[in-house]
N, C-alpha and C. Protein backbone atom coordinates (compact mmCIF):
# COMPACT_ATOMS: atom_id res chain seq x y z
N MET A 1 0.65 -27.08 -21.66
CA MET A 1 1.67 -27.02 -21.49
C MET A 1 1.70 -26.01 -19.60
N SER A 2 1.93 -26.76 -18.77
CA SER A 2 1.89 -26.31 -17.49
C SER A 2 2.28 -25.50 -16.88
N THR A 3 1.75 -24.27 -15.60
CA THR A 3 2.09 -23.76 -15.26
C THR A 3 2.46 -23.43 -14.11
N LEU A 4 3.93 -23.79 -13.17
CA LEU A 4 4.32 -23.04 -11.42
C LEU A 4 3.74 -21.70 -11.67
N VAL A 5 1.85 -21.57 -10.72
CA VAL A 5 2.09 -20.40 -10.61
C VAL A 5 3.01 -19.55 -8.92
N ASP A 6 3.34 -18.07 -8.89
CA ASP A 6 3.90 -17.87 -7.83
C ASP A 6 2.94 -17.08 -6.94
N THR A 7 3.42 -16.93 -5.49
CA THR A 7 2.54 -16.82 -4.70
C THR A 7 1.82 -15.44 -4.95
N ASN A 8 3.14 -14.86 -5.55
CA ASN A 8 2.76 -12.92 -5.51
C ASN A 8 1.18 -12.87 -6.31
N VAL A 9 1.13 -13.64 -7.63
CA VAL A 9 0.02 -14.09 -8.34
C VAL A 9 -0.68 -14.30 -8.15
N PHE A 10 -0.98 -15.21 -6.91
CA PHE A 10 -2.34 -15.31 -6.06
C PHE A 10 -2.95 -14.28 -5.09
N ILE A 11 -1.81 -13.66 -4.34
CA ILE A 11 -2.15 -12.68 -3.83
C ILE A 11 -2.37 -10.84 -4.66
N ASP A 12 -2.66 -11.50 -5.52
CA ASP A 12 -2.83 -10.75 -5.94
C ASP A 12 -4.50 -10.85 -7.00
N VAL A 13 -5.21 -12.25 -7.39
CA VAL A 13 -6.17 -12.93 -7.57
C VAL A 13 -7.63 -12.54 -5.95
N LEU A 14 -6.50 -13.27 -5.20
CA LEU A 14 -7.31 -13.40 -3.62
C LEU A 14 -7.49 -11.78 -2.62
N GLY A 15 -6.49 -11.26 -3.24
CA GLY A 15 -6.61 -9.87 -2.00
C GLY A 15 -7.34 -9.21 -2.36
N PRO A 16 -7.04 -7.89 -1.37
CA PRO A 16 -7.31 -6.65 -2.32
C PRO A 16 -7.74 -5.62 -3.29
N ASP A 17 -8.02 -5.04 -4.26
CA ASP A 17 -7.45 -4.71 -5.07
C ASP A 17 -6.40 -3.93 -5.04
N ALA A 18 -5.66 -4.79 -6.09
CA ALA A 18 -4.13 -4.21 -6.61
C ALA A 18 -4.39 -3.69 -7.51
N PRO A 19 -2.99 -3.19 -8.42
CA PRO A 19 -2.38 -2.62 -9.38
C PRO A 19 -1.96 -3.80 -10.67
N PHE A 20 -1.97 -4.87 -9.94
CA PHE A 20 -1.69 -6.05 -10.75
C PHE A 20 -2.84 -6.76 -10.75
N ARG A 21 -3.94 -6.88 -10.29
CA ARG A 21 -4.59 -7.60 -10.49
C ARG A 21 -5.43 -8.24 -10.91
N LYS A 22 -5.62 -6.87 -12.25
CA LYS A 22 -6.28 -7.40 -13.57
C LYS A 22 -5.39 -7.97 -14.85
N TRP A 23 -4.31 -7.75 -14.22
CA TRP A 23 -3.14 -8.44 -15.02
C TRP A 23 -2.98 -10.13 -14.35
N SER A 24 -3.08 -10.45 -13.61
CA SER A 24 -3.32 -11.35 -12.71
C SER A 24 -4.59 -12.43 -13.23
N VAL A 25 -5.23 -12.05 -12.82
CA VAL A 25 -6.70 -12.77 -13.08
C VAL A 25 -6.73 -13.38 -14.50
N ASP A 26 -6.14 -11.83 -15.55
CA ASP A 26 -6.31 -12.53 -16.63
C ASP A 26 -5.62 -13.30 -17.31
N VAL A 27 -4.54 -13.03 -17.01
CA VAL A 27 -3.33 -14.04 -17.50
C VAL A 27 -3.36 -15.29 -16.97
N LEU A 28 -3.50 -15.87 -15.01
CA LEU A 28 -4.07 -16.66 -14.42
C LEU A 28 -5.54 -17.64 -15.96
N LYS A 29 -6.13 -16.82 -16.23
CA LYS A 29 -7.52 -17.00 -17.07
C LYS A 29 -6.97 -18.10 -18.13
N GLN A 30 -6.03 -16.96 -19.19
CA GLN A 30 -5.03 -17.63 -20.07
C GLN A 30 -4.71 -19.19 -19.83
N CYS A 31 -3.66 -18.63 -18.80
CA CYS A 31 -2.79 -20.25 -18.66
C CYS A 31 -3.30 -21.76 -18.18
N THR A 32 -4.82 -21.24 -17.76
CA THR A 32 -6.15 -22.42 -17.64
C THR A 32 -6.44 -23.10 -18.62
N GLN A 33 -6.63 -22.42 -19.86
CA GLN A 33 -6.38 -22.65 -21.22
C GLN A 33 -5.62 -23.75 -22.12
N GLU A 34 -4.50 -22.54 -21.34
CA GLU A 34 -3.28 -23.56 -22.45
C GLU A 34 -2.55 -25.01 -21.44
N GLY A 35 -3.27 -24.74 -20.50
CA GLY A 35 -2.83 -26.30 -20.02
C GLY A 35 -2.75 -26.31 -17.86
N GLU A 36 -2.70 -27.55 -17.27
CA GLU A 36 -2.50 -27.38 -15.89
C GLU A 36 -2.10 -26.26 -15.17
N ILE A 37 -2.48 -26.05 -14.22
CA ILE A 37 -1.88 -24.80 -13.24
C ILE A 37 -0.99 -25.93 -12.00
N ILE A 38 -0.09 -25.62 -11.94
CA ILE A 38 0.66 -26.29 -11.04
C ILE A 38 0.40 -25.71 -9.43
N LEU A 39 0.60 -26.31 -8.81
CA LEU A 39 0.88 -25.47 -7.34
C LEU A 39 1.96 -26.15 -5.86
N SER A 40 2.71 -25.53 -5.98
CA SER A 40 3.93 -25.67 -5.36
C SER A 40 3.48 -26.04 -4.15
N PRO A 41 4.21 -26.74 -2.88
CA PRO A 41 3.54 -26.45 -1.65
C PRO A 41 4.33 -25.45 -1.33
N ILE A 42 5.49 -24.69 -1.08
CA ILE A 42 6.40 -24.02 -0.78
C ILE A 42 5.27 -21.73 -1.09
N VAL A 43 4.60 -22.23 -2.29
CA VAL A 43 3.69 -21.42 -2.73
C VAL A 43 2.55 -21.24 -1.57
N TRP A 44 1.98 -23.11 -1.70
CA TRP A 44 0.98 -23.29 -0.15
C TRP A 44 0.83 -22.87 1.07
N SER A 45 2.35 -22.71 2.11
CA SER A 45 2.81 -22.65 2.94
C SER A 45 2.71 -21.01 2.88
N GLU A 46 3.21 -20.10 1.68
CA GLU A 46 3.63 -18.84 2.14
C GLU A 46 2.33 -18.28 1.40
N LEU A 47 1.17 -19.21 1.04
CA LEU A 47 -0.49 -18.29 1.13
C LEU A 47 -0.92 -18.94 2.41
N ALA A 48 -0.42 -19.91 3.46
CA ALA A 48 -1.11 -20.54 4.43
C ALA A 48 -0.44 -19.12 5.77
N ALA A 49 0.63 -17.85 5.43
CA ALA A 49 0.63 -16.65 6.01
C ALA A 49 -0.27 -15.53 6.25
N SER A 50 -1.57 -15.66 5.24
CA SER A 50 -2.85 -14.63 5.74
C SER A 50 -3.61 -15.81 6.43
N THR A 51 -4.22 -14.36 6.57
CA THR A 51 -6.17 -15.09 8.02
C THR A 51 -6.27 -16.08 7.02
N ILE A 52 -6.87 -16.17 6.15
CA ILE A 52 -8.06 -17.03 4.99
C ILE A 52 -7.81 -19.17 5.62
N SER A 53 -8.78 -19.33 5.78
CA SER A 53 -8.55 -20.52 6.18
C SER A 53 -8.04 -21.72 5.63
N GLU A 54 -7.77 -22.77 5.45
CA GLU A 54 -7.39 -23.63 4.07
C GLU A 54 -9.01 -24.01 3.51
N ALA A 55 -9.64 -24.37 4.16
CA ALA A 55 -10.99 -24.65 3.61
C ALA A 55 -11.03 -23.80 2.69
N ASP A 56 -11.67 -22.11 3.18
CA ASP A 56 -11.63 -21.41 2.84
C ASP A 56 -10.56 -21.22 0.78
N LEU A 57 -9.40 -21.34 1.26
CA LEU A 57 -8.53 -21.30 0.13
C LEU A 57 -7.88 -22.28 -0.65
N LEU A 58 -8.82 -22.90 -0.36
CA LEU A 58 -9.08 -24.87 -1.20
C LEU A 58 -10.65 -24.15 -2.48
N ALA A 59 -11.17 -23.53 -1.34
CA ALA A 59 -12.90 -23.03 -1.97
C ALA A 59 -11.87 -21.93 -3.28
N ALA A 60 -11.37 -21.47 -3.22
CA ALA A 60 -11.12 -19.43 -3.60
C ALA A 60 -10.49 -19.75 -4.91
N LEU A 61 -9.63 -20.93 -4.94
CA LEU A 61 -8.65 -21.93 -5.68
C LEU A 61 -8.87 -22.92 -7.09
N SER A 62 -10.47 -23.40 -6.05
CA SER A 62 -11.07 -24.25 -7.11
C SER A 62 -11.35 -23.89 -8.41
N TRP A 63 -11.64 -22.97 -8.73
CA TRP A 63 -11.97 -23.08 -10.29
C TRP A 63 -10.82 -23.50 -11.07
N LEU A 64 -9.42 -23.00 -10.94
CA LEU A 64 -8.47 -23.56 -11.23
C LEU A 64 -7.62 -24.96 -11.37
N ALA A 65 -8.28 -26.04 -10.27
CA ALA A 65 -8.04 -26.92 -10.55
C ALA A 65 -6.57 -27.28 -10.71
N PRO A 66 -6.15 -26.64 -9.59
CA PRO A 66 -5.02 -26.68 -9.52
C PRO A 66 -3.53 -28.34 -9.07
N LYS A 67 -3.12 -28.74 -9.90
CA LYS A 67 -2.64 -30.14 -9.22
C LYS A 67 -1.35 -30.08 -8.51
N ARG A 68 -1.75 -30.26 -7.49
CA ARG A 68 -0.52 -30.19 -6.13
C ARG A 68 0.52 -31.10 -6.69
N GLU A 69 1.83 -30.18 -6.32
CA GLU A 69 3.35 -31.10 -6.61
C GLU A 69 4.36 -31.29 -5.99
N THR A 70 4.96 -31.49 -5.73
CA THR A 70 5.74 -31.94 -4.59
C THR A 70 6.92 -31.23 -5.32
N ILE A 71 7.86 -30.60 -4.30
CA ILE A 71 8.88 -30.61 -5.53
C ILE A 71 10.33 -31.79 -5.41
N PRO A 72 10.45 -32.04 -6.10
CA PRO A 72 11.40 -32.99 -6.87
C PRO A 72 13.62 -32.46 -5.84
N PHE A 73 13.39 -34.28 -4.81
CA PHE A 73 15.04 -33.62 -4.03
C PHE A 73 16.02 -32.77 -5.33
N GLU A 74 15.81 -32.94 -6.41
CA GLU A 74 16.85 -32.93 -8.35
C GLU A 74 16.16 -31.04 -7.40
N ALA A 75 15.79 -30.62 -7.30
CA ALA A 75 14.87 -29.29 -7.58
C ALA A 75 15.33 -28.51 -6.45
N ALA A 76 15.07 -29.55 -5.65
CA ALA A 76 15.69 -28.76 -3.52
C ALA A 76 17.27 -28.36 -4.05
N PHE A 77 18.04 -29.18 -4.21
CA PHE A 77 19.25 -29.21 -4.32
C PHE A 77 20.13 -27.97 -5.16
N ARG A 78 19.08 -28.05 -6.39
CA ARG A 78 19.97 -26.99 -7.46
C ARG A 78 19.31 -25.24 -6.87
N ALA A 79 18.29 -25.74 -6.08
CA ALA A 79 17.87 -24.63 -5.19
C ALA A 79 18.48 -24.05 -4.35
N GLY A 80 18.94 -25.11 -4.17
CA GLY A 80 20.28 -24.81 -2.65
C GLY A 80 21.54 -24.01 -2.67
N LYS A 81 21.33 -24.40 -3.93
CA LYS A 81 22.67 -24.42 -5.05
C LYS A 81 22.73 -22.48 -5.75
N ALA A 82 21.92 -22.55 -6.48
CA ALA A 82 21.13 -20.75 -6.95
C ALA A 82 21.07 -20.13 -5.94
N HIS A 83 20.89 -20.42 -4.91
CA HIS A 83 20.81 -19.73 -3.31
C HIS A 83 22.02 -19.09 -2.75
N ARG A 84 22.93 -20.01 -3.24
CA ARG A 84 24.08 -19.86 -2.26
C ARG A 84 25.12 -19.63 -3.72
N ALA A 85 24.66 -19.36 -4.48
CA ALA A 85 25.66 -18.70 -5.36
C ALA A 85 25.22 -16.97 -5.30
N TYR A 86 23.68 -17.26 -4.84
CA TYR A 86 22.97 -15.34 -4.81
C TYR A 86 23.69 -14.85 -4.16
N ARG A 87 23.91 -15.79 -2.66
CA ARG A 87 25.03 -15.19 -1.58
C ARG A 87 26.39 -14.93 -1.88
N VAL A 88 26.42 -15.53 -2.50
CA VAL A 88 28.69 -15.46 -2.27
C VAL A 88 28.45 -14.39 -3.27
N ALA A 89 26.89 -14.08 -3.94
CA ALA A 89 27.70 -12.84 -5.05
C ALA A 89 27.18 -11.62 -4.32
N GLY A 90 26.30 -11.61 -3.44
CA GLY A 90 25.90 -10.73 -2.57
C GLY A 90 24.88 -10.03 -2.45
N GLY A 91 23.77 -11.49 -2.70
CA GLY A 91 23.24 -11.12 -2.35
C GLY A 91 22.43 -11.52 -1.20
N GLN A 92 20.75 -9.95 -1.01
CA GLN A 92 20.44 -10.14 0.09
C GLN A 92 19.39 -10.46 0.41
N ARG A 93 18.70 -10.83 2.35
CA ARG A 93 18.11 -11.33 2.57
C ARG A 93 16.50 -11.30 1.80
N GLU A 94 16.30 -10.03 0.80
CA GLU A 94 15.37 -9.27 0.68
C GLU A 94 15.19 -11.20 -0.43
N ARG A 95 15.81 -11.78 -0.97
CA ARG A 95 15.59 -12.56 -1.85
C ARG A 95 15.67 -14.10 -1.00
N THR A 96 14.33 -15.14 -0.25
CA THR A 96 14.98 -15.70 0.40
C THR A 96 14.64 -17.34 0.06
N LEU A 97 15.07 -18.35 0.38
CA LEU A 97 15.63 -19.54 -0.42
C LEU A 97 13.70 -19.74 -1.24
N PRO A 98 12.53 -19.59 -0.17
CA PRO A 98 11.60 -20.12 -0.25
C PRO A 98 11.52 -19.76 -2.57
N ASP A 99 12.34 -18.61 -2.58
CA ASP A 99 11.94 -18.68 -3.82
C ASP A 99 12.89 -18.87 -4.62
N PHE A 100 13.89 -19.56 -4.24
CA PHE A 100 15.15 -20.35 -5.16
C PHE A 100 13.92 -22.05 -5.68
N LEU A 101 13.53 -22.14 -4.31
CA LEU A 101 12.47 -23.25 -4.96
C LEU A 101 11.55 -22.96 -5.68
N ILE A 102 10.43 -22.01 -5.16
CA ILE A 102 9.78 -22.19 -6.52
C ILE A 102 10.15 -22.20 -8.20
N GLY A 103 11.60 -21.60 -7.95
CA GLY A 103 12.51 -21.49 -9.46
C GLY A 103 12.27 -22.53 -9.94
N ALA A 104 12.95 -23.05 -9.11
CA ALA A 104 14.14 -24.30 -8.89
C ALA A 104 12.76 -25.86 -9.50
N HIS A 105 11.95 -25.43 -9.09
CA HIS A 105 11.28 -26.13 -9.68
C HIS A 105 10.22 -26.30 -11.09
N ALA A 106 10.00 -24.69 -10.95
CA ALA A 106 9.53 -24.66 -12.22
C ALA A 106 11.01 -24.99 -13.68
N GLU A 107 11.88 -25.02 -12.97
CA GLU A 107 12.61 -25.60 -14.14
C GLU A 107 13.09 -27.02 -14.20
N TRP A 108 13.23 -27.36 -12.95
CA TRP A 108 13.76 -28.92 -13.23
C TRP A 108 12.20 -29.87 -13.91
N ARG A 109 11.08 -29.08 -13.52
CA ARG A 109 10.41 -29.96 -14.09
C ARG A 109 9.04 -29.26 -15.67
N ARG A 110 10.44 -28.48 -15.88
CA ARG A 110 9.49 -27.69 -17.54
C ARG A 110 8.39 -27.54 -17.32
N HIS A 111 7.82 -26.13 -16.31
CA HIS A 111 7.15 -25.55 -16.07
C HIS A 111 7.03 -24.18 -16.47
N ARG A 112 6.19 -23.73 -16.54
CA ARG A 112 6.16 -21.92 -17.21
C ARG A 112 6.12 -21.14 -15.25
N LEU A 113 6.26 -20.43 -15.77
CA LEU A 113 6.47 -19.94 -14.69
C LEU A 113 5.86 -18.40 -14.47
N LEU A 114 4.99 -18.13 -13.46
CA LEU A 114 4.02 -17.25 -13.70
C LEU A 114 4.71 -16.37 -12.46
N THR A 115 4.34 -15.13 -12.67
CA THR A 115 5.66 -14.39 -11.32
C THR A 115 4.86 -12.75 -12.03
N ARG A 116 5.10 -11.79 -10.68
CA ARG A 116 4.82 -10.98 -11.79
C ARG A 116 6.71 -10.04 -11.37
N ASP A 117 7.36 -11.01 -10.39
CA ASP A 117 8.82 -10.85 -10.33
C ASP A 117 9.60 -11.55 -10.64
N GLY A 118 9.92 -11.46 -12.26
CA GLY A 118 10.53 -12.05 -13.02
C GLY A 118 11.87 -11.91 -13.10
N SER A 119 12.58 -10.48 -12.45
CA SER A 119 14.04 -10.80 -12.17
C SER A 119 14.53 -11.12 -10.98
N ARG A 120 13.83 -11.83 -9.63
CA ARG A 120 13.83 -13.59 -8.91
C ARG A 120 14.52 -13.97 -9.59
N TYR A 121 13.87 -13.96 -10.96
CA TYR A 121 14.14 -15.52 -11.62
C TYR A 121 15.03 -15.96 -12.29
N VAL A 122 15.18 -15.02 -13.67
CA VAL A 122 15.51 -14.86 -14.48
C VAL A 122 17.32 -14.66 -14.20
N SER A 123 17.88 -14.15 -13.55
CA SER A 123 19.54 -14.32 -13.28
C SER A 123 19.43 -16.17 -13.01
N TYR A 124 19.37 -16.75 -12.02
CA TYR A 124 19.59 -18.26 -11.78
C TYR A 124 18.48 -18.95 -12.23
N PHE A 125 17.57 -19.00 -12.94
CA PHE A 125 16.78 -20.07 -13.31
C PHE A 125 16.81 -19.36 -15.32
N PRO A 126 17.43 -19.11 -15.81
CA PRO A 126 17.67 -18.88 -17.36
C PRO A 126 16.77 -19.80 -18.18
N ALA A 127 16.53 -20.79 -18.18
CA ALA A 127 15.52 -21.33 -18.80
C ALA A 127 14.68 -21.52 -18.25
N VAL A 128 14.07 -21.09 -17.77
CA VAL A 128 12.13 -21.00 -16.84
C VAL A 128 11.90 -20.33 -17.85
N ASP A 129 10.61 -20.36 -18.56
CA ASP A 129 10.10 -19.33 -19.43
C ASP A 129 9.42 -19.12 -18.35
N LEU A 130 9.53 -17.34 -17.98
CA LEU A 130 8.72 -16.86 -17.46
C LEU A 130 7.52 -15.93 -17.91
N ILE A 131 6.71 -15.86 -17.23
CA ILE A 131 4.74 -14.78 -17.93
C ILE A 131 5.39 -13.97 -16.78
N THR A 132 4.73 -12.85 -16.95
CA THR A 132 5.81 -11.92 -15.82
C THR A 132 4.44 -10.58 -16.98
N PRO A 133 4.52 -9.32 -16.16
CA PRO A 133 3.51 -8.27 -16.89
C PRO A 133 4.63 -7.75 -17.88
N GLU A 134 5.51 -7.74 -17.75
CA GLU A 134 6.77 -7.09 -18.93
C GLU A 134 6.99 -8.17 -20.51
N THR A 135 6.54 -9.26 -20.46
CA THR A 135 6.67 -10.25 -21.32
C THR A 135 5.72 -10.79 -21.36
N HIS A 136 4.22 -10.47 -20.95
CA HIS A 136 3.20 -10.67 -21.39
C HIS A 136 2.37 -9.62 -21.74
N PRO A 137 2.44 -8.61 -22.02
CA PRO A 137 1.35 -7.37 -21.20
C PRO A 137 -0.24 -7.54 -21.69
N LEU A 138 -0.86 -7.19 -20.95
CA LEU A 138 -2.31 -7.09 -21.60
C LEU A 138 -2.13 -6.20 -22.57
N PRO A 139 -3.07 -6.26 -23.53
CA PRO A 139 -3.38 -5.10 -24.76
C PRO A 139 -4.09 -4.07 -24.00
N ARG A 140 -3.97 -2.83 -24.75
CA ARG A 140 -4.46 -1.73 -24.21
C ARG A 140 -5.54 -1.57 -25.02
N ILE A 141 -6.10 -1.36 -24.51
CA ILE A 141 -8.00 -0.96 -25.15
C ILE A 141 -8.43 -0.19 -24.99
């Protein structure tokens, strides 16, 4: 089963120690055992906003062997419609079009979506199988 990974999970894994780092690393490892890890050009562009070089970013993610996958035009169109519905309903700018592109990509290709922000996707992409801290909590030891 393929899993598209949202930017926030990669930030948890690559960035400074954060509250969700352990969850993100552990669930990402589990997803690699269950199928392909999908890297979206939208997520890649959001990661490029950091200070890390492209070569270093590629090296840091190499253990995942991510499959780079373009966004189909059908998914991009669906993202635009979902974003419009969000804005018409009074949605603010904090949920920008990239989030909708990521959700539509996962929906169109039938990938699971690994994210910490499930609420951003559940309303507009209910068919997407979300992997979030709420849906997949780490076992307590």
